Amino acid sequence: MSGLAYEVGVSLEPARGEAFEEFMRGHHVPAVLASGCFSGAHFERLAPGEYRTRYAAATPGDLERYLADHAPRLRGDFAASFGDAARVTRETWETLEGWGR
């Protein structure tokens, strides 16, 4: 199993959590997947106001295409909805081995 995991972490006020979850489930994650650059995603909550989304890319080229062609627009959509209310981190992980699904 090879590939990359593009992980986006978001911290925001817990009171914004419900709106954030609706935005991510109903708009953002489906739009990212519609780019065709990722084979799947997981949206996870650590605690109220602490989230991460992991997107699976088969190749570095897929991730690069997403970052060049789609990320600016989708990040703009996110900023319009949550602006300064969210602290965002982004990391790219290389998959070395995988077990299960």
C-alpha atoms as a PDB file:
ATOM      1  CA  MET A   1       0.000   0.000   0.000  1.00  0.00           C
ATOM      2  CA  SER A   2       1.451   3.346  -0.968  1.00  0.00           C
ATOM      3  CA  GLY A   3       0.155   6.849  -1.326  1.00  0.00           C
ATOM      4  CA  LEU A   4      -0.228  10.032   0.622  1.00  0.00           C
ATOM      5  CA  ALA A   5      -2.528  11.251   3.337  1.00  0.00           C
ATOM      6  CA  TYR A   6      -3.268  14.968   3.199  1.00  0.00           C
ATOM      7  CA  GLU A   7      -4.394  15.897   6.694  1.00  0.00           C
ATOM      8  CA  VAL A   8      -6.151  19.147   7.556  1.00  0.00           C
ATOM      9  CA  GLY A   9      -6.645  19.969  11.235  1.00  0.00           C
ATOM     10  CA  VAL A  10      -9.131  22.604  12.395  1.00  0.00           C
ATOM     11  CA  SER A  11      -9.578  24.130  15.834  1.00  0.00           C
ATOM     12  CA  LEU A  12     -12.490  26.452  16.491  1.00  0.00           C
ATOM     13  CA  GLU A  13     -14.825  27.529  19.258  1.00  0.00           C
ATOM     14  CA  PRO A  14     -16.953  24.545  20.311  1.00  0.00           C
ATOM     15  CA  ALA A  15     -20.093  26.656  19.797  1.00  0.00           C
ATOM     16  CA  ARG A  16     -19.282  26.707  16.050  1.00  0.00           C
ATOM     17  CA  GLY A  17     -18.925  22.913  15.915  1.00  0.00           C
ATOM     18  CA  GLU A  18     -22.397  22.055  14.643  1.00  0.00           C
ATOM     19  CA  ALA A  19     -22.200  24.576  11.782  1.00  0.00           C
ATOM     20  CA  PHE A  20     -18.687  23.408  10.953  1.00  0.00           C
ATOM     21  CA  GLU A  21     -19.707  19.747  10.857  1.00  0.00           C
ATOM     22  CA  GLU A  22     -22.650  20.556   8.576  1.00  0.00           C
ATOM     23  CA  PHE A  23     -20.385  22.584   6.259  1.00  0.00           C
ATOM     24  CA  MET A  24     -17.784  19.828   6.086  1.00  0.00           C
ATOM     25  CA  ARG A  25     -20.259  16.984   5.542  1.00  0.00           C
ATOM     26  CA  GLY A  26     -22.617  18.797   3.215  1.00  0.00           C
ATOM     27  CA  HIS A  27     -20.245  20.924   1.169  1.00  0.00           C
ATOM     28  CA  HIS A  28     -16.498  20.919   1.715  1.00  0.00           C
ATOM     29  CA  VAL A  29     -15.518  17.231   1.794  1.00  0.00           C
ATOM     30  CA  PRO A  30     -17.821  16.351  -1.138  1.00  0.00           C
ATOM     31  CA  ALA A  31     -16.322  19.262  -3.124  1.00  0.00           C
ATOM     32  CA  VAL A  32     -12.760  18.139  -2.371  1.00  0.00           C
ATOM     33  CA  LEU A  33     -13.579  14.581  -3.444  1.00  0.00           C
ATOM     34  CA  ALA A  34     -15.289  15.876  -6.599  1.00  0.00           C
ATOM     35  CA  SER A  35     -11.903  17.265  -7.675  1.00  0.00           C
ATOM     36  CA  GLY A  36     -10.955  13.684  -8.572  1.00  0.00           C
ATOM     37  CA  CYS A  37      -7.608  14.067  -6.809  1.00  0.00           C
ATOM     38  CA  PHE A  38      -8.405  11.856  -3.806  1.00  0.00           C
ATOM     39  CA  SER A  39      -9.749   8.325  -3.495  1.00  0.00           C
ATOM     40  CA  GLY A  40     -11.433   8.857  -0.125  1.00  0.00           C
ATOM     41  CA  ALA A  41     -11.571  10.858   3.082  1.00  0.00           C
ATOM     42  CA  HIS A  42     -12.169  10.552   6.819  1.00  0.00           C
ATOM     43  CA  PHE A  43     -13.650  13.400   8.878  1.00  0.00           C
ATOM     44  CA  GLU A  44     -12.930  13.020  12.590  1.00  0.00           C
ATOM     45  CA  ARG A  45     -13.537  14.855  15.868  1.00  0.00           C
ATOM     46  CA  LEU A  46     -11.113  14.650  18.787  1.00  0.00           C
ATOM     47  CA  ALA A  47     -13.107  16.868  21.148  1.00  0.00           C
ATOM     48  CA  PRO A  48     -15.620  19.708  20.798  1.00  0.00           C
ATOM     49  CA  GLY A  49     -14.025  22.193  18.404  1.00  0.00           C
ATOM     50  CA  GLU A  50     -11.093  19.902  17.411  1.00  0.00           C
ATOM     51  CA  TYR A  51     -11.309  18.195  14.014  1.00  0.00           C
ATOM     52  CA  ARG A  52      -9.207  16.614  11.319  1.00  0.00           C
ATOM     53  CA  THR A  53      -9.923  15.476   7.809  1.00  0.00           C
ATOM     54  CA  ARG A  54      -7.628  12.981   6.106  1.00  0.00           C
ATOM     55  CA  TYR A  55      -7.755  12.737   2.322  1.00  0.00           C
ATOM     56  CA  ALA A  56      -6.116   9.781   0.508  1.00  0.00           C
ATOM     57  CA  ALA A  57      -4.091  10.597  -2.622  1.00  0.00           C
ATOM     58  CA  ALA A  58      -2.601   7.791  -4.726  1.00  0.00           C
ATOM     59  CA  THR A  59       0.368   9.823  -5.971  1.00  0.00           C
ATOM     60  CA  PRO A  60       2.218  13.054  -5.229  1.00  0.00           C
ATOM     61  CA  GLY A  61       0.957  14.294  -8.607  1.00  0.00           C
ATOM     62  CA  ASP A  62      -2.651  13.921  -7.486  1.00  0.00           C
ATOM     63  CA  LEU A  63      -1.970  16.023  -4.405  1.00  0.00           C
ATOM     64  CA  GLU A  64      -0.039  18.616  -6.412  1.00  0.00           C
ATOM     65  CA  ARG A  65      -2.923  18.876  -8.891  1.00  0.00           C
ATOM     66  CA  TYR A  66      -5.373  19.422  -6.041  1.00  0.00           C
ATOM     67  CA  LEU A  67      -3.187  22.098  -4.447  1.00  0.00           C
ATOM     68  CA  ALA A  68      -2.672  23.937  -7.751  1.00  0.00           C
ATOM     69  CA  ASP A  69      -6.088  23.615  -9.381  1.00  0.00           C
ATOM     70  CA  HIS A  70      -8.651  23.269  -6.588  1.00  0.00           C
ATOM     71  CA  ALA A  71      -7.327  24.263  -3.157  1.00  0.00           C
ATOM     72  CA  PRO A  72      -7.386  28.066  -3.674  1.00  0.00           C
ATOM     73  CA  ARG A  73     -11.128  28.081  -4.465  1.00  0.00           C
ATOM     74  CA  LEU A  74     -12.053  25.608  -1.728  1.00  0.00           C
ATOM     75  CA  ARG A  75      -9.930  27.399   0.853  1.00  0.00           C
ATOM     76  CA  GLY A  76     -11.692  30.615  -0.142  1.00  0.00           C
ATOM     77  CA  ASP A  77     -15.077  28.982   0.425  1.00  0.00           C
ATOM     78  CA  PHE A  78     -13.909  27.810   3.840  1.00  0.00           C
ATOM     79  CA  ALA A  79     -12.571  31.253   4.776  1.00  0.00           C
ATOM     80  CA  ALA A  80     -15.858  32.876   3.728  1.00  0.00           C
ATOM     81  CA  SER A  81     -17.726  30.601   6.128  1.00  0.00           C
ATOM     82  CA  PHE A  82     -15.316  30.451   9.065  1.00  0.00           C
ATOM     83  CA  GLY A  83     -12.686  33.163   8.446  1.00  0.00           C
ATOM     84  CA  ASP A  84     -10.714  34.010  11.552  1.00  0.00           C
ATOM     85  CA  ALA A  85     -12.829  31.684  13.737  1.00  0.00           C
ATOM     86  CA  ALA A  86     -10.754  28.636  12.752  1.00  0.00           C
ATOM     87  CA  ARG A  87      -7.094  27.753  13.155  1.00  0.00           C
ATOM     88  CA  VAL A  88      -6.056  25.424  10.339  1.00  0.00           C
ATOM     89  CA  THR A  89      -3.019  23.153  10.038  1.00  0.00           C
ATOM     90  CA  ARG A  90      -2.064  21.084   7.012  1.00  0.00           C
ATOM     91  CA  GLU A  91       0.297  18.127   6.796  1.00  0.00           C
ATOM     92  CA  THR A  92       1.154  15.555   4.168  1.00  0.00           C
ATOM     93  CA  TRP A  93       1.929  12.038   5.363  1.00  0.00           C
ATOM     94  CA  GLU A  94       3.512   9.328   3.227  1.00  0.00           C
ATOM     95  CA  THR A  95       1.904   5.927   3.722  1.00  0.00           C
ATOM     96  CA  LEU A  96       4.550   3.308   4.468  1.00  0.00           C
ATOM     97  CA  GLU A  97       2.277   0.368   5.254  1.00  0.00           C
ATOM     98  CA  GLY A  98      -1.405  -0.238   5.825  1.00  0.00           C
ATOM     99  CA  TRP A  99      -3.528  -2.890   7.534  1.00  0.00           C
ATOM    100  CA  GLY A 100      -7.238  -3.385   7.156  1.00  0.00           C
ATOM    101  CA  ARG A 101      -9.410  -0.770   5.541  1.00  0.00           C
END
